[in-house]
Amino acid sequence: MLFRHRLGKDRILKAITLTMIALFLVVFMTMALAMTVNSPLLDILFDVTSAFGTVGLTMGLTPHLSDVGKLMIALTMFAGRLGPITLAYALGRKPERELYRYPEGKITIG
């Protein structure tokens, strides 16, 4: 209960999913850039997190990246701007449309 309101289970699961996808993307891009760039890990993490949040800050690493590194930063910026949930829904399978659906029944229990 939050301020006399309750949060639905679907909202909580959506928030957890969003956080996990964002965290996975930032960690994956940081590790991928760490393999291609000879810089401190904290500088790489700062630049990737800044790119994901579309903040525009840098530790001076971005101008010295290779073309592949700059593409990875650009994709991270695009994913951060678009949103991980939107991206996951766009890349995921489309649910099959139901041809028919049974009516809901309300049963008194107890």
PDB file of N, CA and C in Angstrom:
ATOM      1  N   MET A   1       0.844  -1.161   0.000  1.00  0.00           N
ATOM      2  CA  MET A   1       0.000   0.000   0.000  1.00  0.00           C
ATOM      3  C   MET A   1       0.898   1.235   0.000  1.00  0.00           C
ATOM      4  N   LEU A   2       0.542   2.193  -0.840  1.00  0.00           N
ATOM      5  CA  LEU A   2       1.330   3.398  -0.986  1.00  0.00           C
ATOM      6  C   LEU A   2       0.382   4.588  -0.998  1.00  0.00           C
ATOM      7  N   PHE A   3       0.387   5.364   0.070  1.00  0.00           N
ATOM      8  CA  PHE A   3      -0.496   6.523   0.182  1.00  0.00           C
ATOM      9  C   PHE A   3      -1.956   6.142  -0.055  1.00  0.00           C
ATOM     10  N   ARG A   4      -2.386   5.080   0.589  1.00  0.00           N
ATOM     11  CA  ARG A   4      -3.750   4.566   0.518  1.00  0.00           C
ATOM     12  C   ARG A   4      -4.127   4.065  -0.873  1.00  0.00           C
ATOM     13  N   HIS A   5      -3.148   3.726  -1.651  1.00  0.00           N
ATOM     14  CA  HIS A   5      -3.359   3.110  -2.956  1.00  0.00           C
ATOM     15  C   HIS A   5      -2.461   1.889  -3.040  1.00  0.00           C
ATOM     16  N   ARG A   6      -2.902   0.916  -3.777  1.00  0.00           N
ATOM     17  CA  ARG A   6      -2.062  -0.255  -3.954  1.00  0.00           C
ATOM     18  C   ARG A   6      -1.577  -0.287  -5.393  1.00  0.00           C
ATOM     19  N   LEU A   7      -0.411  -0.851  -5.559  1.00  0.00           N
ATOM     20  CA  LEU A   7       0.163  -0.990  -6.891  1.00  0.00           C
ATOM     21  C   LEU A   7      -0.193  -2.360  -7.425  1.00  0.00           C
ATOM     22  N   GLY A   8      -0.619  -2.405  -8.668  1.00  0.00           N
ATOM     23  CA  GLY A   8      -0.956  -3.672  -9.283  1.00  0.00           C
ATOM     24  C   GLY A   8       0.284  -4.508  -9.539  1.00  0.00           C
ATOM     25  N   LYS A   9       0.094  -5.806  -9.544  1.00  0.00           N
ATOM     26  CA  LYS A   9       1.212  -6.731  -9.758  1.00  0.00           C
ATOM     27  C   LYS A   9       1.837  -6.513 -11.132  1.00  0.00           C
ATOM     28  N   ASP A  10       1.022  -6.197 -12.133  1.00  0.00           N
ATOM     29  CA  ASP A  10       1.564  -5.977 -13.469  1.00  0.00           C
ATOM     30  C   ASP A  10       2.469  -4.749 -13.524  1.00  0.00           C
ATOM     31  N   ARG A  11       2.151  -3.704 -12.757  1.00  0.00           N
ATOM     32  CA  ARG A  11       2.997  -2.508 -12.711  1.00  0.00           C
ATOM     33  C   ARG A  11       4.346  -2.803 -12.052  1.00  0.00           C
ATOM     34  N   ILE A  12       4.303  -3.594 -10.996  1.00  0.00           N
ATOM     35  CA  ILE A  12       5.540  -3.951 -10.303  1.00  0.00           C
ATOM     36  C   ILE A  12       6.425  -4.805 -11.201  1.00  0.00           C
ATOM     37  N   LEU A  13       5.841  -5.781 -11.882  1.00  0.00           N
ATOM     38  CA  LEU A  13       6.615  -6.631 -12.783  1.00  0.00           C
ATOM     39  C   LEU A  13       7.170  -5.835 -13.962  1.00  0.00           C
ATOM     40  N   LYS A  14       6.406  -4.874 -14.457  1.00  0.00           N
ATOM     41  CA  LYS A  14       6.879  -4.042 -15.555  1.00  0.00           C
ATOM     42  C   LYS A  14       8.066  -3.179 -15.109  1.00  0.00           C
ATOM     43  N   ALA A  15       8.006  -2.649 -13.893  1.00  0.00           N
ATOM     44  CA  ALA A  15       9.111  -1.844 -13.368  1.00  0.00           C
ATOM     45  C   ALA A  15      10.369  -2.683 -13.174  1.00  0.00           C
ATOM     46  N   ILE A  16      10.186  -3.902 -12.661  1.00  0.00           N
ATOM     47  CA  ILE A  16      11.342  -4.788 -12.482  1.00  0.00           C
ATOM     48  C   ILE A  16      11.936  -5.179 -13.827  1.00  0.00           C
ATOM     49  N   THR A  17      11.074  -5.469 -14.794  1.00  0.00           N
ATOM     50  CA  THR A  17      11.549  -5.817 -16.135  1.00  0.00           C
ATOM     51  C   THR A  17      12.312  -4.668 -16.768  1.00  0.00           C
ATOM     52  N   LEU A  18      11.785  -3.474 -16.659  1.00  0.00           N
ATOM     53  CA  LEU A  18      12.447  -2.291 -17.209  1.00  0.00           C
ATOM     54  C   LEU A  18      13.821  -2.091 -16.578  1.00  0.00           C
ATOM     55  N   THR A  19      13.900  -2.240 -15.273  1.00  0.00           N
ATOM     56  CA  THR A  19      15.173  -2.067 -14.579  1.00  0.00           C
ATOM     57  C   THR A  19      16.185  -3.125 -14.996  1.00  0.00           C
ATOM     58  N   MET A  20      15.747  -4.371 -15.098  1.00  0.00           N
ATOM     59  CA  MET A  20      16.672  -5.446 -15.461  1.00  0.00           C
ATOM     60  C   MET A  20      17.160  -5.313 -16.906  1.00  0.00           C
ATOM     61  N   ILE A  21      16.271  -4.947 -17.819  1.00  0.00           N
ATOM     62  CA  ILE A  21      16.693  -4.769 -19.213  1.00  0.00           C
ATOM     63  C   ILE A  21      17.683  -3.619 -19.322  1.00  0.00           C
ATOM     64  N   ALA A  22      17.404  -2.508 -18.648  1.00  0.00           N
ATOM     65  CA  ALA A  22      18.312  -1.358 -18.689  1.00  0.00           C
ATOM     66  C   ALA A  22      19.665  -1.697 -18.078  1.00  0.00           C
ATOM     67  N   LEU A  23      19.647  -2.386 -16.957  1.00  0.00           N
ATOM     68  CA  LEU A  23      20.898  -2.776 -16.303  1.00  0.00           C
ATOM     69  C   LEU A  23      21.708  -3.728 -17.180  1.00  0.00           C
ATOM     70  N   PHE A  24      21.025  -4.703 -17.776  1.00  0.00           N
ATOM     71  CA  PHE A  24      21.709  -5.642 -18.659  1.00  0.00           C
ATOM     72  C   PHE A  24      22.327  -4.916 -19.851  1.00  0.00           C
ATOM     73  N   LEU A  25      21.591  -3.983 -20.438  1.00  0.00           N
ATOM     74  CA  LEU A  25      22.103  -3.259 -21.603  1.00  0.00           C
ATOM     75  C   LEU A  25      23.328  -2.424 -21.251  1.00  0.00           C
ATOM     76  N   VAL A  26      23.285  -1.734 -20.134  1.00  0.00           N
ATOM     77  CA  VAL A  26      24.423  -0.900 -19.730  1.00  0.00           C
ATOM     78  C   VAL A  26      25.636  -1.764 -19.413  1.00  0.00           C
ATOM     79  N   VAL A  27      25.440  -2.860 -18.691  1.00  0.00           N
ATOM     80  CA  VAL A  27      26.564  -3.735 -18.352  1.00  0.00           C
ATOM     81  C   VAL A  27      27.136  -4.398 -19.607  1.00  0.00           C
ATOM     82  N   PHE A  28      26.266  -4.852 -20.507  1.00  0.00           N
ATOM     83  CA  PHE A  28      26.736  -5.493 -21.737  1.00  0.00           C
ATOM     84  C   PHE A  28      27.547  -4.525 -22.595  1.00  0.00           C
ATOM     85  N   MET A  29      27.039  -3.317 -22.781  1.00  0.00           N
ATOM     86  CA  MET A  29      27.757  -2.334 -23.604  1.00  0.00           C
ATOM     87  C   MET A  29      29.068  -1.907 -22.938  1.00  0.00           C
ATOM     88  N   THR A  30      29.064  -1.829 -21.616  1.00  0.00           N
ATOM     89  CA  THR A  30      30.302  -1.479 -20.910  1.00  0.00           C
ATOM     90  C   THR A  30      31.356  -2.564 -21.112  1.00  0.00           C
ATOM     91  N   MET A  31      30.961  -3.817 -20.979  1.00  0.00           N
ATOM     92  CA  MET A  31      31.916  -4.913 -21.164  1.00  0.00           C
ATOM     93  C   MET A  31      32.389  -5.000 -22.617  1.00  0.00           C
ATOM     94  N   ALA A  32      31.485  -4.780 -23.553  1.00  0.00           N
ATOM     95  CA  ALA A  32      31.871  -4.823 -24.969  1.00  0.00           C
ATOM     96  C   ALA A  32      32.855  -3.707 -25.300  1.00  0.00           C
ATOM     97  N   LEU A  33      32.612  -2.510 -24.778  1.00  0.00           N
ATOM     98  CA  LEU A  33      33.556  -1.411 -25.024  1.00  0.00           C
ATOM     99  C   LEU A  33      34.867  -1.624 -24.277  1.00  0.00           C
ATOM    100  N   ALA A  34      34.812  -2.260 -23.112  1.00  0.00           N
ATOM    101  CA  ALA A  34      36.039  -2.509 -22.350  1.00  0.00           C
ATOM    102  C   ALA A  34      36.973  -3.455 -23.104  1.00  0.00           C
ATOM    103  N   MET A  35      36.394  -4.326 -23.928  1.00  0.00           N
ATOM    104  CA  MET A  35      37.235  -5.236 -24.720  1.00  0.00           C
ATOM    105  C   MET A  35      37.888  -4.536 -25.905  1.00  0.00           C
ATOM    106  N   THR A  36      37.318  -3.432 -26.359  1.00  0.00           N
ATOM    107  CA  THR A  36      37.851  -2.770 -27.551  1.00  0.00           C
ATOM    108  C   THR A  36      38.655  -1.520 -27.242  1.00  0.00           C
ATOM    109  N   VAL A  37      38.505  -0.962 -26.030  1.00  0.00           N
ATOM    110  CA  VAL A  37      39.157   0.302 -25.680  1.00  0.00           C
ATOM    111  C   VAL A  37      40.096   0.078 -24.508  1.00  0.00           C
ATOM    112  N   ASN A  38      41.231   0.734 -24.535  1.00  0.00           N
ATOM    113  CA  ASN A  38      42.187   0.650 -23.442  1.00  0.00           C
ATOM    114  C   ASN A  38      42.020   1.884 -22.560  1.00  0.00           C
ATOM    115  N   SER A  39      40.976   1.875 -21.736  1.00  0.00           N
ATOM    116  CA  SER A  39      40.660   2.986 -20.828  1.00  0.00           C
ATOM    117  C   SER A  39      40.199   2.411 -19.498  1.00  0.00           C
ATOM    118  N   PRO A  40      40.210   3.238 -18.458  1.00  0.00           N
ATOM    119  CA  PRO A  40      39.697   2.749 -17.165  1.00  0.00           C
ATOM    120  C   PRO A  40      38.215   2.365 -17.265  1.00  0.00           C
ATOM    121  N   LEU A  41      37.847   1.332 -16.555  1.00  0.00           N
ATOM    122  CA  LEU A  41      36.479   0.807 -16.614  1.00  0.00           C
ATOM    123  C   LEU A  41      35.461   1.837 -16.129  1.00  0.00           C
ATOM    124  N   LEU A  42      35.833   2.649 -15.165  1.00  0.00           N
ATOM    125  CA  LEU A  42      34.916   3.656 -14.648  1.00  0.00           C
ATOM    126  C   LEU A  42      34.593   4.716 -15.698  1.00  0.00           C
ATOM    127  N   ASP A  43      35.585   5.091 -16.519  1.00  0.00           N
ATOM    128  CA  ASP A  43      35.335   6.047 -17.602  1.00  0.00           C
ATOM    129  C   ASP A  43      34.386   5.457 -18.643  1.00  0.00           C
ATOM    130  N   ILE A  44      34.590   4.190 -18.970  1.00  0.00           N
ATOM    131  CA  ILE A  44      33.727   3.520 -19.945  1.00  0.00           C
ATOM    132  C   ILE A  44      32.307   3.413 -19.399  1.00  0.00           C
ATOM    133  N   LEU A  45      32.181   3.025 -18.138  1.00  0.00           N
ATOM    134  CA  LEU A  45      30.862   2.910 -17.513  1.00  0.00           C
ATOM    135  C   LEU A  45      30.156   4.258 -17.478  1.00  0.00           C
ATOM    136  N   PHE A  46      30.875   5.320 -17.178  1.00  0.00           N
ATOM    137  CA  PHE A  46      30.282   6.657 -17.147  1.00  0.00           C
ATOM    138  C   PHE A  46      29.767   7.049 -18.523  1.00  0.00           C
ATOM    139  N   ASP A  47      30.567   6.826 -19.574  1.00  0.00           N
ATOM    140  CA  ASP A  47      30.146   7.193 -20.921  1.00  0.00           C
ATOM    141  C   ASP A  47      28.949   6.372 -21.389  1.00  0.00           C
ATOM    142  N   VAL A  48      28.947   5.081 -21.097  1.00  0.00           N
ATOM    143  CA  VAL A  48      27.830   4.229 -21.505  1.00  0.00           C
ATOM    144  C   VAL A  48      26.555   4.615 -20.748  1.00  0.00           C
ATOM    145  N   THR A  49      26.670   4.865 -19.458  1.00  0.00           N
ATOM    146  CA  THR A  49      25.501   5.268 -18.676  1.00  0.00           C
ATOM    147  C   THR A  49      24.984   6.628 -19.129  1.00  0.00           C
ATOM    148  N   SER A  50      25.876   7.520 -19.440  1.00  0.00           N
ATOM    149  CA  SER A  50      25.479   8.824 -19.955  1.00  0.00           C
ATOM    150  C   SER A  50      24.800   8.699 -21.316  1.00  0.00           C
ATOM    151  N   ALA A  51      25.303   7.805 -22.143  1.00  0.00           N
ATOM    152  CA  ALA A  51      24.682   7.586 -23.448  1.00  0.00           C
ATOM    153  C   ALA A  51      23.306   6.961 -23.297  1.00  0.00           C
ATOM    154  N   PHE A  52      23.154   6.009 -22.390  1.00  0.00           N
ATOM    155  CA  PHE A  52      21.858   5.374 -22.187  1.00  0.00           C
ATOM    156  C   PHE A  52      20.830   6.369 -21.641  1.00  0.00           C
ATOM    157  N   GLY A  53      21.265   7.240 -20.757  1.00  0.00           N
ATOM    158  CA  GLY A  53      20.366   8.244 -20.199  1.00  0.00           C
ATOM    159  C   GLY A  53      20.214   9.458 -21.094  1.00  0.00           C
ATOM    160  N   THR A  54      20.874   9.468 -22.242  1.00  0.00           N
ATOM    161  CA  THR A  54      20.899  10.593 -23.194  1.00  0.00           C
ATOM    162  C   THR A  54      21.172  11.910 -22.471  1.00  0.00           C
ATOM    163  N   VAL A  55      22.222  11.886 -21.638  1.00  0.00           N
ATOM    164  CA  VAL A  55      22.592  13.044 -20.841  1.00  0.00           C
ATOM    165  C   VAL A  55      23.499  13.978 -21.620  1.00  0.00           C
ATOM    166  N   GLY A  56      24.452  13.424 -22.358  1.00  0.00           N
ATOM    167  CA  GLY A  56      25.360  14.247 -23.147  1.00  0.00           C
ATOM    168  C   GLY A  56      26.692  14.507 -22.470  1.00  0.00           C
ATOM    169  N   LEU A  57      26.949  13.879 -21.340  1.00  0.00           N
ATOM    170  CA  LEU A  57      28.231  14.065 -20.655  1.00  0.00           C
ATOM    171  C   LEU A  57      29.200  12.966 -21.085  1.00  0.00           C
ATOM    172  N   THR A  58      30.481  13.253 -20.977  1.00  0.00           N
ATOM    173  CA  THR A  58      31.497  12.274 -21.319  1.00  0.00           C
ATOM    174  C   THR A  58      32.745  12.521 -20.488  1.00  0.00           C
ATOM    175  N   MET A  59      33.541  11.497 -20.343  1.00  0.00           N
ATOM    176  CA  MET A  59      34.825  11.617 -19.648  1.00  0.00           C
ATOM    177  C   MET A  59      35.956  11.832 -20.656  1.00  0.00           C
ATOM    178  N   GLY A  60      35.609  12.189 -21.872  1.00  0.00           N
ATOM    179  CA  GLY A  60      36.599  12.410 -22.910  1.00  0.00           C
ATOM    180  C   GLY A  60      36.936  11.148 -23.678  1.00  0.00           C
ATOM    181  N   LEU A  61      36.183  10.100 -23.471  1.00  0.00           N
ATOM    182  CA  LEU A  61      36.460   8.815 -24.105  1.00  0.00           C
ATOM    183  C   LEU A  61      35.856   8.726 -25.509  1.00  0.00           C
ATOM    184  N   THR A  62      34.723   9.306 -25.709  1.00  0.00           N
ATOM    185  CA  THR A  62      33.971   9.133 -26.954  1.00  0.00           C
ATOM    186  C   THR A  62      34.735   9.589 -28.198  1.00  0.00           C
ATOM    187  N   PRO A  63      35.422  10.722 -28.195  1.00  0.00           N
ATOM    188  CA  PRO A  63      36.149  11.114 -29.419  1.00  0.00           C
ATOM    189  C   PRO A  63      37.279  10.160 -29.799  1.00  0.00           C
ATOM    190  N   HIS A  64      37.779   9.382 -28.832  1.00  0.00           N
ATOM    191  CA  HIS A  64      38.898   8.485 -29.092  1.00  0.00           C
ATOM    192  C   HIS A  64      38.462   7.055 -29.419  1.00  0.00           C
ATOM    193  N   LEU A  65      37.160   6.818 -29.529  1.00  0.00           N
ATOM    194  CA  LEU A  65      36.665   5.479 -29.843  1.00  0.00           C
ATOM    195  C   LEU A  65      36.847   5.162 -31.320  1.00  0.00           C
ATOM    196  N   SER A  66      36.902   3.873 -31.617  1.00  0.00           N
ATOM    197  CA  SER A  66      36.930   3.445 -33.014  1.00  0.00           C
ATOM    198  C   SER A  66      35.532   3.617 -33.597  1.00  0.00           C
ATOM    199  N   ASP A  67      35.388   3.344 -34.883  1.00  0.00           N
ATOM    200  CA  ASP A  67      34.078   3.472 -35.517  1.00  0.00           C
ATOM    201  C   ASP A  67      33.071   2.493 -34.916  1.00  0.00           C
ATOM    202  N   VAL A  68      33.537   1.294 -34.585  1.00  0.00           N
ATOM    203  CA  VAL A  68      32.653   0.306 -33.960  1.00  0.00           C
ATOM    204  C   VAL A  68      32.226   0.783 -32.573  1.00  0.00           C
ATOM    205  N   GLY A  69      33.140   1.359 -31.817  1.00  0.00           N
ATOM    206  CA  GLY A  69      32.825   1.887 -30.491  1.00  0.00           C
ATOM    207  C   GLY A  69      31.832   3.034 -30.562  1.00  0.00           C
ATOM    208  N   LYS A  70      32.017   3.913 -31.545  1.00  0.00           N
ATOM    209  CA  LYS A  70      31.072   5.019 -31.710  1.00  0.00           C
ATOM    210  C   LYS A  70      29.692   4.505 -32.114  1.00  0.00           C
ATOM    211  N   LEU A  71      29.658   3.454 -32.919  1.00  0.00           N
ATOM    212  CA  LEU A  71      28.376   2.856 -33.291  1.00  0.00           C
ATOM    213  C   LEU A  71      27.703   2.236 -32.066  1.00  0.00           C
ATOM    214  N   MET A  72      28.486   1.595 -31.206  1.00  0.00           N
ATOM    215  CA  MET A  72      27.925   1.002 -29.992  1.00  0.00           C
ATOM    216  C   MET A  72      27.355   2.082 -29.069  1.00  0.00           C
ATOM    217  N   ILE A  73      28.057   3.203 -28.945  1.00  0.00           N
ATOM    218  CA  ILE A  73      27.548   4.313 -28.135  1.00  0.00           C
ATOM    219  C   ILE A  73      26.273   4.882 -28.765  1.00  0.00           C
ATOM    220  N   ALA A  74      26.254   4.999 -30.077  1.00  0.00           N
ATOM    221  CA  ALA A  74      25.059   5.524 -30.762  1.00  0.00           C
ATOM    222  C   ALA A  74      23.869   4.586 -30.568  1.00  0.00           C
ATOM    223  N   LEU A  75      24.096   3.273 -30.643  1.00  0.00           N
ATOM    224  CA  LEU A  75      23.010   2.322 -30.407  1.00  0.00           C
ATOM    225  C   LEU A  75      22.524   2.377 -28.958  1.00  0.00           C
ATOM    226  N   THR A  76      23.443   2.593 -28.039  1.00  0.00           N
ATOM    227  CA  THR A  76      23.059   2.733 -26.634  1.00  0.00           C
ATOM    228  C   THR A  76      22.218   3.989 -26.436  1.00  0.00           C
ATOM    229  N   MET A  77      22.589   5.073 -27.100  1.00  0.00           N
ATOM    230  CA  MET A  77      21.807   6.305 -27.023  1.00  0.00           C
ATOM    231  C   MET A  77      20.416   6.092 -27.619  1.00  0.00           C
ATOM    232  N   PHE A  78      20.355   5.384 -28.729  1.00  0.00           N
ATOM    233  CA  PHE A  78      19.064   5.124 -29.362  1.00  0.00           C
ATOM    234  C   PHE A  78      18.184   4.252 -28.471  1.00  0.00           C
ATOM    235  N   ALA A  79      18.766   3.213 -27.887  1.00  0.00           N
ATOM    236  CA  ALA A  79      18.002   2.326 -27.000  1.00  0.00           C
ATOM    237  C   ALA A  79      17.542   3.071 -25.748  1.00  0.00           C
ATOM    238  N   GLY A  80      18.373   3.950 -25.215  1.00  0.00           N
ATOM    239  CA  GLY A  80      17.981   4.725 -24.042  1.00  0.00           C
ATOM    240  C   GLY A  80      16.883   5.719 -24.352  1.00  0.00           C
ATOM    241  N   ARG A  81      16.928   6.295 -25.530  1.00  0.00           N
ATOM    242  CA  ARG A  81      15.892   7.264 -25.906  1.00  0.00           C
ATOM    243  C   ARG A  81      14.578   6.576 -26.230  1.00  0.00           C
ATOM    244  N   LEU A  82      14.663   5.463 -26.913  1.00  0.00           N
ATOM    245  CA  LEU A  82      13.461   4.726 -27.301  1.00  0.00           C
ATOM    246  C   LEU A  82      12.821   4.068 -26.089  1.00  0.00           C
ATOM    247  N   GLY A  83      13.632   3.548 -25.197  1.00  0.00           N
ATOM    248  CA  GLY A  83      13.117   2.887 -24.002  1.00  0.00           C
ATOM    249  C   GLY A  83      13.235   1.386 -24.133  1.00  0.00           C
ATOM    250  N   PRO A  84      13.737   0.717 -23.108  1.00  0.00           N
ATOM    251  CA  PRO A  84      13.939  -0.727 -23.173  1.00  0.00           C
ATOM    252  C   PRO A  84      12.651  -1.525 -23.355  1.00  0.00           C
ATOM    253  N   ILE A  85      11.563  -1.093 -22.727  1.00  0.00           N
ATOM    254  CA  ILE A  85      10.303  -1.833 -22.854  1.00  0.00           C
ATOM    255  C   ILE A  85       9.773  -1.729 -24.278  1.00  0.00           C
ATOM    256  N   THR A  86       9.818  -0.538 -24.849  1.00  0.00           N
ATOM    257  CA  THR A  86       9.364  -0.360 -26.229  1.00  0.00           C
ATOM    258  C   THR A  86      10.206  -1.187 -27.176  1.00  0.00           C
ATOM    259  N   LEU A  87      11.510  -1.195 -26.954  1.00  0.00           N
ATOM    260  CA  LEU A  87      12.412  -1.973 -27.788  1.00  0.00           C
ATOM    261  C   LEU A  87      12.139  -3.465 -27.647  1.00  0.00           C
ATOM    262  N   ALA A  88      11.899  -3.927 -26.432  1.00  0.00           N
ATOM    263  CA  ALA A  88      11.615  -5.353 -26.215  1.00  0.00           C
ATOM    264  C   ALA A  88      10.293  -5.752 -26.873  1.00  0.00           C
ATOM    265  N   TYR A  89       9.280  -4.903 -26.768  1.00  0.00           N
ATOM    266  CA  TYR A  89       8.002  -5.192 -27.417  1.00  0.00           C
ATOM    267  C   TYR A  89       8.136  -5.193 -28.935  1.00  0.00           C
ATOM    268  N   ALA A  90       8.950  -4.303 -29.471  1.00  0.00           N
ATOM    269  CA  ALA A  90       9.114  -4.230 -30.919  1.00  0.00           C
ATOM    270  C   ALA A  90       9.848  -5.457 -31.460  1.00  0.00           C
ATOM    271  N   LEU A  91      10.807  -5.965 -30.698  1.00  0.00           N
ATOM    272  CA  LEU A  91      11.586  -7.107 -31.159  1.00  0.00           C
ATOM    273  C   LEU A  91      10.955  -8.444 -30.799  1.00  0.00           C
ATOM    274  N   GLY A  92      10.011  -8.435 -29.883  1.00  0.00           N
ATOM    275  CA  GLY A  92       9.392  -9.677 -29.419  1.00  0.00           C
ATOM    276  C   GLY A  92       8.369 -10.220 -30.393  1.00  0.00           C
ATOM    277  N   ARG A  93       7.903 -11.444 -30.079  1.00  0.00           N
ATOM    278  CA  ARG A  93       6.881 -12.073 -30.905  1.00  0.00           C
ATOM    279  C   ARG A  93       5.547 -11.377 -30.721  1.00  0.00           C
ATOM    280  N   LYS A  94       4.781 -11.370 -31.762  1.00  0.00           N
ATOM    281  CA  LYS A  94       3.429 -10.840 -31.680  1.00  0.00           C
ATOM    282  C   LYS A  94       2.524 -11.928 -31.110  1.00  0.00           C
ATOM    283  N   PRO A  95       1.687 -11.595 -30.134  1.00  0.00           N
ATOM    284  CA  PRO A  95       0.788 -12.614 -29.594  1.00  0.00           C
ATOM    285  C   PRO A  95      -0.267 -12.984 -30.625  1.00  0.00           C
ATOM    286  N   GLU A  96      -0.622 -14.264 -30.608  1.00  0.00           N
ATOM    287  CA  GLU A  96      -1.643 -14.718 -31.533  1.00  0.00           C
ATOM    288  C   GLU A  96      -2.997 -14.164 -31.107  1.00  0.00           C
ATOM    289  N   ARG A  97      -3.760 -13.769 -32.071  1.00  0.00           N
ATOM    290  CA  ARG A  97      -5.063 -13.197 -31.776  1.00  0.00           C
ATOM    291  C   ARG A  97      -6.052 -14.323 -31.487  1.00  0.00           C
ATOM    292  N   GLU A  98      -6.827 -14.131 -30.457  1.00  0.00           N
ATOM    293  CA  GLU A  98      -7.812 -15.139 -30.088  1.00  0.00           C
ATOM    294  C   GLU A  98      -8.981 -15.083 -31.054  1.00  0.00           C
ATOM    295  N   LEU A  99      -9.395 -16.241 -31.538  1.00  0.00           N
ATOM    296  CA  LEU A  99     -10.540 -16.281 -32.427  1.00  0.00           C
ATOM    297  C   LEU A  99     -11.851 -16.146 -31.659  1.00  0.00           C
ATOM    298  N   TYR A 100     -11.843 -16.660 -30.438  1.00  0.00           N
ATOM    299  CA  TYR A 100     -13.020 -16.533 -29.582  1.00  0.00           C
ATOM    300  C   TYR A 100     -12.565 -16.543 -28.132  1.00  0.00           C
ATOM    301  N   ARG A 101     -13.428 -16.090 -27.260  1.00  0.00           N
ATOM    302  CA  ARG A 101     -13.095 -16.053 -25.842  1.00  0.00           C
ATOM    303  C   ARG A 101     -14.359 -16.375 -25.048  1.00  0.00           C
ATOM    304  N   TYR A 102     -14.187 -17.226 -24.043  1.00  0.00           N
ATOM    305  CA  TYR A 102     -15.307 -17.567 -23.183  1.00  0.00           C
ATOM    306  C   TYR A 102     -15.628 -16.383 -22.262  1.00  0.00           C
ATOM    307  N   PRO A 103     -16.880 -16.208 -21.902  1.00  0.00           N
ATOM    308  CA  PRO A 103     -17.227 -15.121 -20.984  1.00  0.00           C
ATOM    309  C   PRO A 103     -16.704 -15.411 -19.583  1.00  0.00           C
ATOM    310  N   GLU A 104     -16.421 -14.354 -18.831  1.00  0.00           N
ATOM    311  CA  GLU A 104     -15.958 -14.517 -17.467  1.00  0.00           C
ATOM    312  C   GLU A 104     -17.119 -14.849 -16.558  1.00  0.00           C
ATOM    313  N   GLY A 105     -16.862 -15.742 -15.643  1.00  0.00           N
ATOM    314  CA  GLY A 105     -17.886 -16.081 -14.659  1.00  0.00           C
ATOM    315  C   GLY A 105     -17.470 -15.571 -13.296  1.00  0.00           C
ATOM    316  N   LYS A 106     -18.433 -15.083 -12.554  1.00  0.00           N
ATOM    317  CA  LYS A 106     -18.155 -14.606 -11.195  1.00  0.00           C
ATOM    318  C   LYS A 106     -18.730 -15.617 -10.230  1.00  0.00           C
ATOM    319  N   ILE A 107     -17.850 -16.169  -9.439  1.00  0.00           N
ATOM    320  CA  ILE A 107     -18.236 -17.217  -8.504  1.00  0.00           C
ATOM    321  C   ILE A 107     -18.092 -16.680  -7.090  1.00  0.00           C
ATOM    322  N   THR A 108     -19.079 -16.894  -6.266  1.00  0.00           N
ATOM    323  CA  THR A 108     -18.989 -16.490  -4.863  1.00  0.00           C
ATOM    324  C   THR A 108     -18.243 -17.595  -4.108  1.00  0.00           C
ATOM    325  N   ILE A 109     -17.188 -17.197  -3.455  1.00  0.00           N
ATOM    326  CA  ILE A 109     -16.370 -18.158  -2.707  1.00  0.00           C
ATOM    327  C   ILE A 109     -16.443 -17.780  -1.252  1.00  0.00           C
ATOM    328  N   GLY A 110     -16.742 -18.771  -0.407  1.00  0.00           N
ATOM    329  CA  GLY A 110     -16.692 -18.565   1.030  1.00  0.00           C
ATOM    330  C   GLY A 110     -17.988 -18.149   1.662  1.00  0.00           C
TER     331      GLY A 110
END
